[in-house]
């Protein structure tokens, strides 16, 4: 939703109202995460081609440790690509800073 701030349309407004309604109606809902076997870190990285009107793609990544997803990231790619394969490569290139941060944090937390 943050990518639609400059030129929102009626559909974006409807989605915002739905999101705010969900947050209001679930403010007392509690989530408990139970993570087992947190000895491994697994990253899943995905890129989508020409997601936006300016034909730029979207990069996304999620870190799984044990059976829990602990870090999510999603960002608009900074350059246009000519194929979905190249969009995937850009996504893989976007992820290392988050991967390195998580690795340092994870190793530091276990010491």
PDB file of N, CA and C in Angstrom:
ATOM      1  N   UNK A   1       0.819  -1.190   0.000  1.00  0.00           N
ATOM      2  CA  UNK A   1       0.000   0.000   0.000  1.00  0.00           C
ATOM      3  C   UNK A   1       0.863   1.255   0.000  1.00  0.00           C
ATOM      4  N   UNK A   2       2.082   1.169   0.483  1.00  0.00           N
ATOM      5  CA  UNK A   2       2.924   2.367   0.544  1.00  0.00           C
ATOM      6  C   UNK A   2       3.359   2.833  -0.833  1.00  0.00           C
ATOM      7  N   UNK A   3       3.287   1.971  -1.839  1.00  0.00           N
ATOM      8  CA  UNK A   3       3.665   2.392  -3.187  1.00  0.00           C
ATOM      9  C   UNK A   3       2.566   3.208  -3.858  1.00  0.00           C
ATOM     10  N   UNK A   4       1.396   3.278  -3.267  1.00  0.00           N
ATOM     11  CA  UNK A   4       0.260   3.986  -3.866  1.00  0.00           C
ATOM     12  C   UNK A   4      -0.033   5.319  -3.181  1.00  0.00           C
ATOM     13  N   UNK A   5       0.887   5.834  -2.422  1.00  0.00           N
ATOM     14  CA  UNK A   5       0.651   7.052  -1.651  1.00  0.00           C
ATOM     15  C   UNK A   5       0.511   8.279  -2.549  1.00  0.00           C
ATOM     16  N   UNK A   6       1.292   8.350  -3.610  1.00  0.00           N
ATOM     17  CA  UNK A   6       1.284   9.548  -4.463  1.00  0.00           C
ATOM     18  C   UNK A   6       0.013   9.691  -5.291  1.00  0.00           C
ATOM     19  N   UNK A   7      -0.468   8.592  -5.851  1.00  0.00           N
ATOM     20  CA  UNK A   7      -1.644   8.650  -6.716  1.00  0.00           C
ATOM     21  C   UNK A   7      -2.639   7.543  -6.370  1.00  0.00           C
ATOM     22  N   UNK A   8      -3.234   7.590  -5.183  1.00  0.00           N
ATOM     23  CA  UNK A   8      -4.180   6.528  -4.816  1.00  0.00           C
ATOM     24  C   UNK A   8      -5.481   6.651  -5.614  1.00  0.00           C
ATOM     25  N   UNK A   9      -6.088   5.518  -5.880  1.00  0.00           N
ATOM     26  CA  UNK A   9      -7.380   5.534  -6.555  1.00  0.00           C
ATOM     27  C   UNK A   9      -8.440   4.946  -5.599  1.00  0.00           C
ATOM     28  N   UNK A  10      -9.649   4.797  -6.100  1.00  0.00           N
ATOM     29  CA  UNK A  10     -10.754   4.312  -5.271  1.00  0.00           C
ATOM     30  C   UNK A  10     -10.464   2.912  -4.716  1.00  0.00           C
ATOM     31  N   UNK A  11      -9.867   2.056  -5.528  1.00  0.00           N
ATOM     32  CA  UNK A  11      -9.550   0.697  -5.105  1.00  0.00           C
ATOM     33  C   UNK A  11      -8.522   0.713  -3.965  1.00  0.00           C
ATOM     34  N   UNK A  12      -7.515   1.585  -4.052  1.00  0.00           N
ATOM     35  CA  UNK A  12      -6.521   1.704  -2.981  1.00  0.00           C
ATOM     36  C   UNK A  12      -7.167   2.190  -1.692  1.00  0.00           C
ATOM     37  N   UNK A  13      -8.096   3.118  -1.794  1.00  0.00           N
ATOM     38  CA  UNK A  13      -8.807   3.630  -0.620  1.00  0.00           C
ATOM     39  C   UNK A  13      -9.623   2.512   0.037  1.00  0.00           C
ATOM     40  N   UNK A  14     -10.285   1.704  -0.782  1.00  0.00           N
ATOM     41  CA  UNK A  14     -11.076   0.582  -0.279  1.00  0.00           C
ATOM     42  C   UNK A  14     -10.181  -0.424   0.458  1.00  0.00           C
ATOM     43  N   UNK A  15      -9.008  -0.695  -0.079  1.00  0.00           N
ATOM     44  CA  UNK A  15      -8.078  -1.617   0.574  1.00  0.00           C
ATOM     45  C   UNK A  15      -7.573  -1.054   1.901  1.00  0.00           C
ATOM     46  N   UNK A  16      -7.326   0.241   1.947  1.00  0.00           N
ATOM     47  CA  UNK A  16      -6.885   0.869   3.188  1.00  0.00           C
ATOM     48  C   UNK A  16      -7.964   0.776   4.263  1.00  0.00           C
ATOM     49  N   UNK A  17      -9.205   1.060   3.898  1.00  0.00           N
ATOM     50  CA  UNK A  17     -10.317   0.973   4.853  1.00  0.00           C
ATOM     51  C   UNK A  17     -10.463  -0.464   5.365  1.00  0.00           C
ATOM     52  N   UNK A  18     -10.315  -1.429   4.473  1.00  0.00           N
ATOM     53  CA  UNK A  18     -10.405  -2.839   4.877  1.00  0.00           C
ATOM     54  C   UNK A  18      -9.290  -3.193   5.846  1.00  0.00           C
ATOM     55  N   UNK A  19      -8.071  -2.741   5.580  1.00  0.00           N
ATOM     56  CA  UNK A  19      -6.940  -3.012   6.464  1.00  0.00           C
ATOM     57  C   UNK A  19      -7.143  -2.379   7.838  1.00  0.00           C
ATOM     58  N   UNK A  20      -7.567  -1.121   7.858  1.00  0.00           N
ATOM     59  CA  UNK A  20      -7.798  -0.439   9.138  1.00  0.00           C
ATOM     60  C   UNK A  20      -8.925  -1.109   9.921  1.00  0.00           C
ATOM     61  N   UNK A  21      -9.955  -1.558   9.246  1.00  0.00           N
ATOM     62  CA  UNK A  21     -11.048  -2.260   9.899  1.00  0.00           C
ATOM     63  C   UNK A  21     -10.556  -3.567  10.521  1.00  0.00           C
ATOM     64  N   UNK A  22      -9.719  -4.295   9.796  1.00  0.00           N
ATOM     65  CA  UNK A  22      -9.155  -5.532  10.326  1.00  0.00           C
ATOM     66  C   UNK A  22      -8.330  -5.254  11.581  1.00  0.00           C
ATOM     67  N   UNK A  23      -7.475  -4.246  11.529  1.00  0.00           N
ATOM     68  CA  UNK A  23      -6.641  -3.923  12.689  1.00  0.00           C
ATOM     69  C   UNK A  23      -7.485  -3.526  13.895  1.00  0.00           C
ATOM     70  N   UNK A  24      -8.544  -2.748  13.649  1.00  0.00           N
ATOM     71  CA  UNK A  24      -9.409  -2.323  14.749  1.00  0.00           C
ATOM     72  C   UNK A  24     -10.132  -3.514  15.384  1.00  0.00           C
ATOM     73  N   UNK A  25     -10.610  -4.419  14.552  1.00  0.00           N
ATOM     74  CA  UNK A  25     -11.398  -5.551  15.051  1.00  0.00           C
ATOM     75  C   UNK A  25     -10.553  -6.683  15.641  1.00  0.00           C
ATOM     76  N   UNK A  26      -9.255  -6.626  15.468  1.00  0.00           N
ATOM     77  CA  UNK A  26      -8.403  -7.699  15.985  1.00  0.00           C
ATOM     78  C   UNK A  26      -7.376  -7.186  16.991  1.00  0.00           C
ATOM     79  N   UNK A  27      -7.610  -6.009  17.567  1.00  0.00           N
ATOM     80  CA  UNK A  27      -6.610  -5.443  18.473  1.00  0.00           C
ATOM     81  C   UNK A  27      -6.417  -6.285  19.732  1.00  0.00           C
ATOM     82  N   UNK A  28      -7.382  -7.085  20.115  1.00  0.00           N
ATOM     83  CA  UNK A  28      -7.250  -7.937  21.295  1.00  0.00           C
ATOM     84  C   UNK A  28      -6.863  -9.376  20.954  1.00  0.00           C
ATOM     85  N   UNK A  29      -6.586  -9.631  19.695  1.00  0.00           N
ATOM     86  CA  UNK A  29      -6.196 -10.958  19.256  1.00  0.00           C
ATOM     87  C   UNK A  29      -4.704 -11.151  19.525  1.00  0.00           C
ATOM     88  N   UNK A  30      -4.351 -12.227  20.167  1.00  0.00           N
ATOM     89  CA  UNK A  30      -2.961 -12.492  20.519  1.00  0.00           C
ATOM     90  C   UNK A  30      -2.440 -13.661  19.693  1.00  0.00           C
ATOM     91  N   UNK A  31      -1.213 -13.544  19.258  1.00  0.00           N
ATOM     92  CA  UNK A  31      -0.562 -14.600  18.502  1.00  0.00           C
ATOM     93  C   UNK A  31       0.572 -15.182  19.332  1.00  0.00           C
ATOM     94  N   UNK A  32       0.675 -16.474  19.345  1.00  0.00           N
ATOM     95  CA  UNK A  32       1.781 -17.157  20.000  1.00  0.00           C
ATOM     96  C   UNK A  32       2.571 -17.903  18.933  1.00  0.00           C
ATOM     97  N   UNK A  33       3.842 -17.598  18.825  1.00  0.00           N
ATOM     98  CA  UNK A  33       4.705 -18.295  17.886  1.00  0.00           C
ATOM     99  C   UNK A  33       5.557 -19.295  18.642  1.00  0.00           C
ATOM    100  N   UNK A  34       5.530 -20.523  18.208  1.00  0.00           N
ATOM    101  CA  UNK A  34       6.365 -21.557  18.792  1.00  0.00           C
ATOM    102  C   UNK A  34       7.352 -22.020  17.735  1.00  0.00           C
ATOM    103  N   UNK A  35       8.600 -21.809  17.990  1.00  0.00           N
ATOM    104  CA  UNK A  35       9.632 -22.217  17.035  1.00  0.00           C
ATOM    105  C   UNK A  35      10.409 -23.397  17.597  1.00  0.00           C
ATOM    106  N   UNK A  36      10.482 -24.438  16.786  1.00  0.00           N
ATOM    107  CA  UNK A  36      11.276 -25.611  17.156  1.00  0.00           C
ATOM    108  C   UNK A  36      12.407 -25.761  16.146  1.00  0.00           C
ATOM    109  N   UNK A  37      13.469 -26.399  16.585  1.00  0.00           N
ATOM    110  CA  UNK A  37      14.605 -26.703  15.712  1.00  0.00           C
ATOM    111  C   UNK A  37      15.133 -25.450  15.015  1.00  0.00           C
ATOM    112  N   UNK A  38      15.574 -24.492  15.794  1.00  0.00           N
ATOM    113  CA  UNK A  38      16.041 -23.225  15.221  1.00  0.00           C
ATOM    114  C   UNK A  38      17.545 -23.249  14.945  1.00  0.00           C
ATOM    115  N   UNK A  39      18.043 -24.404  14.546  1.00  0.00           N
ATOM    116  CA  UNK A  39      19.473 -24.534  14.259  1.00  0.00           C
ATOM    117  C   UNK A  39      19.822 -24.129  12.833  1.00  0.00           C
ATOM    118  N   UNK A  40      18.848 -23.971  11.991  1.00  0.00           N
ATOM    119  CA  UNK A  40      19.141 -23.650  10.595  1.00  0.00           C
ATOM    120  C   UNK A  40      18.426 -22.361  10.177  1.00  0.00           C
ATOM    121  N   UNK A  41      19.069 -21.660   9.251  1.00  0.00           N
ATOM    122  CA  UNK A  41      18.479 -20.464   8.636  1.00  0.00           C
ATOM    123  C   UNK A  41      18.272 -20.763   7.159  1.00  0.00           C
ATOM    124  N   UNK A  42      17.050 -20.596   6.677  1.00  0.00           N
ATOM    125  CA  UNK A  42      16.750 -20.829   5.258  1.00  0.00           C
ATOM    126  C   UNK A  42      16.083 -19.586   4.694  1.00  0.00           C
ATOM    127  N   UNK A  43      16.636 -19.063   3.618  1.00  0.00           N
ATOM    128  CA  UNK A  43      16.062 -17.905   2.932  1.00  0.00           C
ATOM    129  C   UNK A  43      15.349 -18.369   1.669  1.00  0.00           C
ATOM    130  N   UNK A  44      14.168 -17.828   1.434  1.00  0.00           N
ATOM    131  CA  UNK A  44      13.454 -18.009   0.176  1.00  0.00           C
ATOM    132  C   UNK A  44      13.379 -16.637  -0.486  1.00  0.00           C
ATOM    133  N   UNK A  45      13.797 -16.557  -1.726  1.00  0.00           N
ATOM    134  CA  UNK A  45      13.860 -15.278  -2.442  1.00  0.00           C
ATOM    135  C   UNK A  45      13.061 -15.413  -3.732  1.00  0.00           C
ATOM    136  N   UNK A  46      12.288 -14.385  -4.031  1.00  0.00           N
ATOM    137  CA  UNK A  46      11.424 -14.400  -5.210  1.00  0.00           C
ATOM    138  C   UNK A  46      11.469 -13.047  -5.897  1.00  0.00           C
ATOM    139  N   UNK A  47      11.405 -13.056  -7.203  1.00  0.00           N
ATOM    140  CA  UNK A  47      11.310 -11.823  -7.969  1.00  0.00           C
ATOM    141  C   UNK A  47      10.165 -11.924  -8.951  1.00  0.00           C
ATOM    142  N   UNK A  48       9.418 -10.856  -9.109  1.00  0.00           N
ATOM    143  CA  UNK A  48       8.343 -10.853 -10.101  1.00  0.00           C
ATOM    144  C   UNK A  48       8.639  -9.773 -11.131  1.00  0.00           C
ATOM    145  N   UNK A  49       8.302 -10.067 -12.361  1.00  0.00           N
ATOM    146  CA  UNK A  49       8.639  -9.210 -13.493  1.00  0.00           C
ATOM    147  C   UNK A  49       7.519  -8.219 -13.810  1.00  0.00           C
ATOM    148  N   UNK A  50       7.875  -6.953 -14.020  1.00  0.00           N
ATOM    149  CA  UNK A  50       6.948  -5.905 -14.486  1.00  0.00           C
ATOM    150  C   UNK A  50       5.697  -5.810 -13.618  1.00  0.00           C
ATOM    151  N   UNK A  51       5.868  -5.745 -12.322  1.00  0.00           N
ATOM    152  CA  UNK A  51       4.753  -5.682 -11.387  1.00  0.00           C
ATOM    153  C   UNK A  51       4.084  -4.313 -11.382  1.00  0.00           C
ATOM    154  N   UNK A  52       4.860  -3.280 -11.544  1.00  0.00           N
ATOM    155  CA  UNK A  52       4.366  -1.902 -11.424  1.00  0.00           C
ATOM    156  C   UNK A  52       4.097  -1.286 -12.794  1.00  0.00           C
ATOM    157  N   UNK A  53       3.370  -0.169 -12.782  1.00  0.00           N
ATOM    158  CA  UNK A  53       3.026   0.527 -14.032  1.00  0.00           C
ATOM    159  C   UNK A  53       4.254   0.987 -14.806  1.00  0.00           C
ATOM    160  N   UNK A  54       5.341   1.284 -14.104  1.00  0.00           N
ATOM    161  CA  UNK A  54       6.570   1.712 -14.779  1.00  0.00           C
ATOM    162  C   UNK A  54       7.425   0.523 -15.215  1.00  0.00           C
ATOM    163  N   UNK A  55       6.841  -0.686 -15.159  1.00  0.00           N
ATOM    164  CA  UNK A  55       7.441  -1.939 -15.623  1.00  0.00           C
ATOM    165  C   UNK A  55       8.604  -2.435 -14.763  1.00  0.00           C
ATOM    166  N   UNK A  56       8.725  -1.902 -13.549  1.00  0.00           N
ATOM    167  CA  UNK A  56       9.744  -2.415 -12.635  1.00  0.00           C
ATOM    168  C   UNK A  56       9.172  -3.608 -11.880  1.00  0.00           C
ATOM    169  N   UNK A  57      10.066  -4.488 -11.452  1.00  0.00           N
ATOM    170  CA  UNK A  57       9.652  -5.702 -10.773  1.00  0.00           C
ATOM    171  C   UNK A  57       9.604  -5.539  -9.261  1.00  0.00           C
ATOM    172  N   UNK A  58       9.314  -6.638  -8.594  1.00  0.00           N
ATOM    173  CA  UNK A  58       9.204  -6.679  -7.143  1.00  0.00           C
ATOM    174  C   UNK A  58      10.111  -7.784  -6.623  1.00  0.00           C
ATOM    175  N   UNK A  59      10.916  -7.469  -5.605  1.00  0.00           N
ATOM    176  CA  UNK A  59      11.766  -8.461  -4.948  1.00  0.00           C
ATOM    177  C   UNK A  59      11.176  -8.782  -3.591  1.00  0.00           C
ATOM    178  N   UNK A  60      11.225 -10.040  -3.214  1.00  0.00           N
ATOM    179  CA  UNK A  60      10.738 -10.434  -1.906  1.00  0.00           C
ATOM    180  C   UNK A  60      11.601 -11.539  -1.330  1.00  0.00           C
ATOM    181  N   UNK A  61      11.693 -11.585  -0.005  1.00  0.00           N
ATOM    182  CA  UNK A  61      12.471 -12.623   0.655  1.00  0.00           C
ATOM    183  C   UNK A  61      11.855 -12.904   2.022  1.00  0.00           C
ATOM    184  N   UNK A  62      12.015 -14.141   2.476  1.00  0.00           N
ATOM    185  CA  UNK A  62      11.555 -14.528   3.805  1.00  0.00           C
ATOM    186  C   UNK A  62      12.614 -15.443   4.418  1.00  0.00           C
ATOM    187  N   UNK A  63      12.882 -15.232   5.704  1.00  0.00           N
ATOM    188  CA  UNK A  63      13.826 -16.065   6.444  1.00  0.00           C
ATOM    189  C   UNK A  63      13.039 -17.039   7.310  1.00  0.00           C
ATOM    190  N   UNK A  64      13.330 -18.317   7.147  1.00  0.00           N
ATOM    191  CA  UNK A  64      12.705 -19.367   7.935  1.00  0.00           C
ATOM    192  C   UNK A  64      13.767 -19.950   8.866  1.00  0.00           C
ATOM    193  N   UNK A  65      13.464 -20.028  10.141  1.00  0.00           N
ATOM    194  CA  UNK A  65      14.328 -20.728  11.088  1.00  0.00           C
ATOM    195  C   UNK A  65      13.461 -21.721  11.840  1.00  0.00           C
ATOM    196  N   UNK A  66      13.853 -22.982  11.775  1.00  0.00           N
ATOM    197  CA  UNK A  66      13.000 -24.024  12.328  1.00  0.00           C
ATOM    198  C   UNK A  66      11.713 -24.080  11.538  1.00  0.00           C
ATOM    199  N   UNK A  67      10.583 -23.867  12.208  1.00  0.00           N
ATOM    200  CA  UNK A  67       9.299 -23.851  11.512  1.00  0.00           C
ATOM    201  C   UNK A  67       8.639 -22.478  11.601  1.00  0.00           C
ATOM    202  N   UNK A  68       9.453 -21.421  11.769  1.00  0.00           N
ATOM    203  CA  UNK A  68       8.918 -20.060  11.890  1.00  0.00           C
ATOM    204  C   UNK A  68       9.516 -19.139  10.832  1.00  0.00           C
ATOM    205  N   UNK A  69       8.689 -18.312  10.268  1.00  0.00           N
ATOM    206  CA  UNK A  69       9.167 -17.234   9.402  1.00  0.00           C
ATOM    207  C   UNK A  69       9.442 -16.038  10.300  1.00  0.00           C
ATOM    208  N   UNK A  70      10.687 -15.560  10.312  1.00  0.00           N
ATOM    209  CA  UNK A  70      11.058 -14.513  11.268  1.00  0.00           C
ATOM    210  C   UNK A  70      11.361 -13.165  10.625  1.00  0.00           C
ATOM    211  N   UNK A  71      11.728 -13.148   9.354  1.00  0.00           N
ATOM    212  CA  UNK A  71      12.005 -11.879   8.669  1.00  0.00           C
ATOM    213  C   UNK A  71      11.349 -11.928   7.298  1.00  0.00           C
ATOM    214  N   UNK A  72      10.638 -10.869   6.963  1.00  0.00           N
ATOM    215  CA  UNK A  72      10.051 -10.712   5.642  1.00  0.00           C
ATOM    216  C   UNK A  72      10.574  -9.413   5.050  1.00  0.00           C
ATOM    217  N   UNK A  73      10.812  -9.379   3.771  1.00  0.00           N
ATOM    218  CA  UNK A  73      11.165  -8.128   3.115  1.00  0.00           C
ATOM    219  C   UNK A  73      10.590  -8.129   1.704  1.00  0.00           C
ATOM    220  N   UNK A  74      10.196  -6.958   1.284  1.00  0.00           N
ATOM    221  CA  UNK A  74       9.641  -6.797  -0.052  1.00  0.00           C
ATOM    222  C   UNK A  74       9.968  -5.388  -0.521  1.00  0.00           C
ATOM    223  N   UNK A  75      10.471  -5.254  -1.745  1.00  0.00           N
ATOM    224  CA  UNK A  75      10.785  -3.923  -2.247  1.00  0.00           C
ATOM    225  C   UNK A  75      10.675  -3.862  -3.768  1.00  0.00           C
ATOM    226  N   UNK A  76      10.395  -2.675  -4.233  1.00  0.00           N
ATOM    227  CA  UNK A  76      10.341  -2.426  -5.666  1.00  0.00           C
ATOM    228  C   UNK A  76      11.763  -2.440  -6.210  1.00  0.00           C
ATOM    229  N   UNK A  77      11.946  -3.128  -7.329  1.00  0.00           N
ATOM    230  CA  UNK A  77      13.274  -3.165  -7.936  1.00  0.00           C
ATOM    231  C   UNK A  77      13.620  -1.809  -8.526  1.00  0.00           C
ATOM    232  N   UNK A  78      14.887  -1.470  -8.493  1.00  0.00           N
ATOM    233  CA  UNK A  78      15.327  -0.138  -8.907  1.00  0.00           C
ATOM    234  C   UNK A  78      15.535  -0.002 -10.414  1.00  0.00           C
ATOM    235  N   UNK A  79      15.601  -1.115 -11.121  1.00  0.00           N
ATOM    236  CA  UNK A  79      15.810  -1.057 -12.565  1.00  0.00           C
ATOM    237  C   UNK A  79      14.771  -1.912 -13.292  1.00  0.00           C
ATOM    238  N   UNK A  80      14.555  -1.600 -14.554  1.00  0.00           N
ATOM    239  CA  UNK A  80      13.673  -2.404 -15.401  1.00  0.00           C
ATOM    240  C   UNK A  80      14.472  -3.567 -15.973  1.00  0.00           C
ATOM    241  N   UNK A  81      13.809  -4.682 -16.166  1.00  0.00           N
ATOM    242  CA  UNK A  81      14.447  -5.843 -16.776  1.00  0.00           C
ATOM    243  C   UNK A  81      13.629  -6.286 -17.980  1.00  0.00           C
ATOM    244  N   UNK A  82      14.255  -7.088 -18.816  1.00  0.00           N
ATOM    245  CA  UNK A  82      13.575  -7.544 -20.024  1.00  0.00           C
ATOM    246  C   UNK A  82      12.928  -8.912 -19.881  1.00  0.00           C
ATOM    247  N   UNK A  83      13.200  -9.597 -18.784  1.00  0.00           N
ATOM    248  CA  UNK A  83      12.628 -10.939 -18.626  1.00  0.00           C
ATOM    249  C   UNK A  83      12.413 -11.261 -17.152  1.00  0.00           C
ATOM    250  N   UNK A  84      11.595 -12.264 -16.909  1.00  0.00           N
ATOM    251  CA  UNK A  84      11.355 -12.692 -15.532  1.00  0.00           C
ATOM    252  C   UNK A  84      12.612 -13.312 -14.926  1.00  0.00           C
ATOM    253  N   UNK A  85      13.443 -13.932 -15.759  1.00  0.00           N
ATOM    254  CA  UNK A  85      14.693 -14.506 -15.261  1.00  0.00           C
ATOM    255  C   UNK A  85      15.596 -13.416 -14.701  1.00  0.00           C
ATOM    256  N   UNK A  86      15.698 -12.309 -15.413  1.00  0.00           N
ATOM    257  CA  UNK A  86      16.524 -11.197 -14.934  1.00  0.00           C
ATOM    258  C   UNK A  86      15.925 -10.569 -13.672  1.00  0.00           C
ATOM    259  N   UNK A  87      14.607 -10.526 -13.584  1.00  0.00           N
ATOM    260  CA  UNK A  87      13.964 -10.021 -12.365  1.00  0.00           C
ATOM    261  C   UNK A  87      14.306 -10.909 -11.169  1.00  0.00           C
ATOM    262  N   UNK A  88      14.363 -12.217 -11.384  1.00  0.00           N
ATOM    263  CA  UNK A  88      14.759 -13.143 -10.323  1.00  0.00           C
ATOM    264  C   UNK A  88      16.200 -12.876  -9.893  1.00  0.00           C
ATOM    265  N   UNK A  89      17.085 -12.627 -10.863  1.00  0.00           N
ATOM    266  CA  UNK A  89      18.487 -12.343 -10.532  1.00  0.00           C
ATOM    267  C   UNK A  89      18.623 -11.045  -9.743  1.00  0.00           C
ATOM    268  N   UNK A  90      17.835 -10.039 -10.090  1.00  0.00           N
ATOM    269  CA  UNK A  90      17.847  -8.774  -9.343  1.00  0.00           C
ATOM    270  C   UNK A  90      17.380  -9.031  -7.913  1.00  0.00           C
ATOM    271  N   UNK A  91      16.359  -9.866  -7.743  1.00  0.00           N
ATOM    272  CA  UNK A  91      15.858 -10.188  -6.406  1.00  0.00           C
ATOM    273  C   UNK A  91      16.948 -10.856  -5.573  1.00  0.00           C
ATOM    274  N   UNK A  92      17.680 -11.780  -6.182  1.00  0.00           N
ATOM    275  CA  UNK A  92      18.772 -12.448  -5.472  1.00  0.00           C
ATOM    276  C   UNK A  92      19.865 -11.441  -5.111  1.00  0.00           C
ATOM    277  N   UNK A  93      20.107 -10.478  -5.979  1.00  0.00           N
ATOM    278  CA  UNK A  93      21.115  -9.452  -5.701  1.00  0.00           C
ATOM    279  C   UNK A  93      20.651  -8.483  -4.613  1.00  0.00           C
ATOM    280  N   UNK A  94      19.343  -8.253  -4.484  1.00  0.00           N
ATOM    281  CA  UNK A  94      18.807  -7.344  -3.455  1.00  0.00           C
ATOM    282  C   UNK A  94      18.879  -7.938  -2.048  1.00  0.00           C
ATOM    283  N   UNK A  95      18.907  -9.254  -1.919  1.00  0.00           N
ATOM    284  CA  UNK A  95      18.760  -9.911  -0.621  1.00  0.00           C
ATOM    285  C   UNK A  95      20.000  -9.946   0.280  1.00  0.00           C
ATOM    286  N   UNK A  96      21.242  -9.976  -0.227  1.00  0.00           N
ATOM    287  CA  UNK A  96      22.401 -10.160   0.660  1.00  0.00           C
ATOM    288  C   UNK A  96      22.515  -9.229   1.869  1.00  0.00           C
ATOM    289  N   UNK A  97      22.171  -7.945   1.795  1.00  0.00           N
ATOM    290  CA  UNK A  97      22.273  -7.148   3.029  1.00  0.00           C
ATOM    291  C   UNK A  97      21.391  -7.681   4.157  1.00  0.00           C
ATOM    292  N   UNK A  98      20.180  -8.113   3.843  1.00  0.00           N
ATOM    293  CA  UNK A  98      19.297  -8.676   4.860  1.00  0.00           C
ATOM    294  C   UNK A  98      19.819 -10.021   5.346  1.00  0.00           C
ATOM    295  N   UNK A  99      20.344 -10.808   4.430  1.00  0.00           N
ATOM    296  CA  UNK A  99      20.880 -12.113   4.799  1.00  0.00           C
ATOM    297  C   UNK A  99      22.075 -11.946   5.731  1.00  0.00           C
ATOM    298  N   UNK A 100      22.976 -11.032   5.407  1.00  0.00           N
ATOM    299  CA  UNK A 100      24.154 -10.805   6.238  1.00  0.00           C
ATOM    300  C   UNK A 100      23.757 -10.280   7.614  1.00  0.00           C
ATOM    301  N   UNK A 101      22.796  -9.351   7.656  1.00  0.00           N
ATOM    302  CA  UNK A 101      22.339  -8.828   8.942  1.00  0.00           C
ATOM    303  C   UNK A 101      21.756  -9.950   9.798  1.00  0.00           C
ATOM    304  N   UNK A 102      20.915 -10.782   9.200  1.00  0.00           N
ATOM    305  CA  UNK A 102      20.287 -11.872   9.950  1.00  0.00           C
ATOM    306  C   UNK A 102      21.328 -12.870  10.427  1.00  0.00           C
ATOM    307  N   UNK A 103      22.310 -13.162   9.590  1.00  0.00           N
ATOM    308  CA  UNK A 103      23.361 -14.095   9.986  1.00  0.00           C
ATOM    309  C   UNK A 103      24.141 -13.538  11.172  1.00  0.00           C
ATOM    310  N   UNK A 104      24.530 -12.275  11.105  1.00  0.00           N
ATOM    311  CA  UNK A 104      25.274 -11.661  12.213  1.00  0.00           C
ATOM    312  C   UNK A 104      24.441 -11.631  13.482  1.00  0.00           C
ATOM    313  N   UNK A 105      23.160 -11.291  13.346  1.00  0.00           N
ATOM    314  CA  UNK A 105      22.272 -11.239  14.506  1.00  0.00           C
ATOM    315  C   UNK A 105      22.097 -12.618  15.118  1.00  0.00           C
ATOM    316  N   UNK A 106      21.863 -13.612  14.264  1.00  0.00           N
ATOM    317  CA  UNK A 106      21.616 -14.982  14.726  1.00  0.00           C
ATOM    318  C   UNK A 106      22.861 -15.554  15.420  1.00  0.00           C
ATOM    319  N   UNK A 107      24.024 -15.392  14.795  1.00  0.00           N
ATOM    320  CA  UNK A 107      25.250 -15.901  15.389  1.00  0.00           C
ATOM    321  C   UNK A 107      25.571 -15.158  16.676  1.00  0.00           C
ATOM    322  N   UNK A 108      25.360 -13.829  16.686  1.00  0.00           N
ATOM    323  CA  UNK A 108      25.612 -13.032  17.891  1.00  0.00           C
ATOM    324  C   UNK A 108      24.684 -13.401  19.030  1.00  0.00           C
ATOM    325  N   UNK A 109      23.449 -13.774  18.722  1.00  0.00           N
ATOM    326  CA  UNK A 109      22.469 -14.103  19.767  1.00  0.00           C
ATOM    327  C   UNK A 109      22.778 -15.447  20.415  1.00  0.00           C
ATOM    328  N   UNK A 110      23.455 -16.326  19.700  1.00  0.00           N
ATOM    329  CA  UNK A 110      23.761 -17.657  20.229  1.00  0.00           C
ATOM    330  C   UNK A 110      25.032 -17.674  21.055  1.00  0.00           C
ATOM    331  N   UNK A 111      25.857 -16.632  20.960  1.00  0.00           N
ATOM    332  CA  UNK A 111      27.127 -16.600  21.700  1.00  0.00           C
ATOM    333  C   UNK A 111      26.916 -16.228  23.137  1.00  0.00           C
TER     334      UNK A 111
END
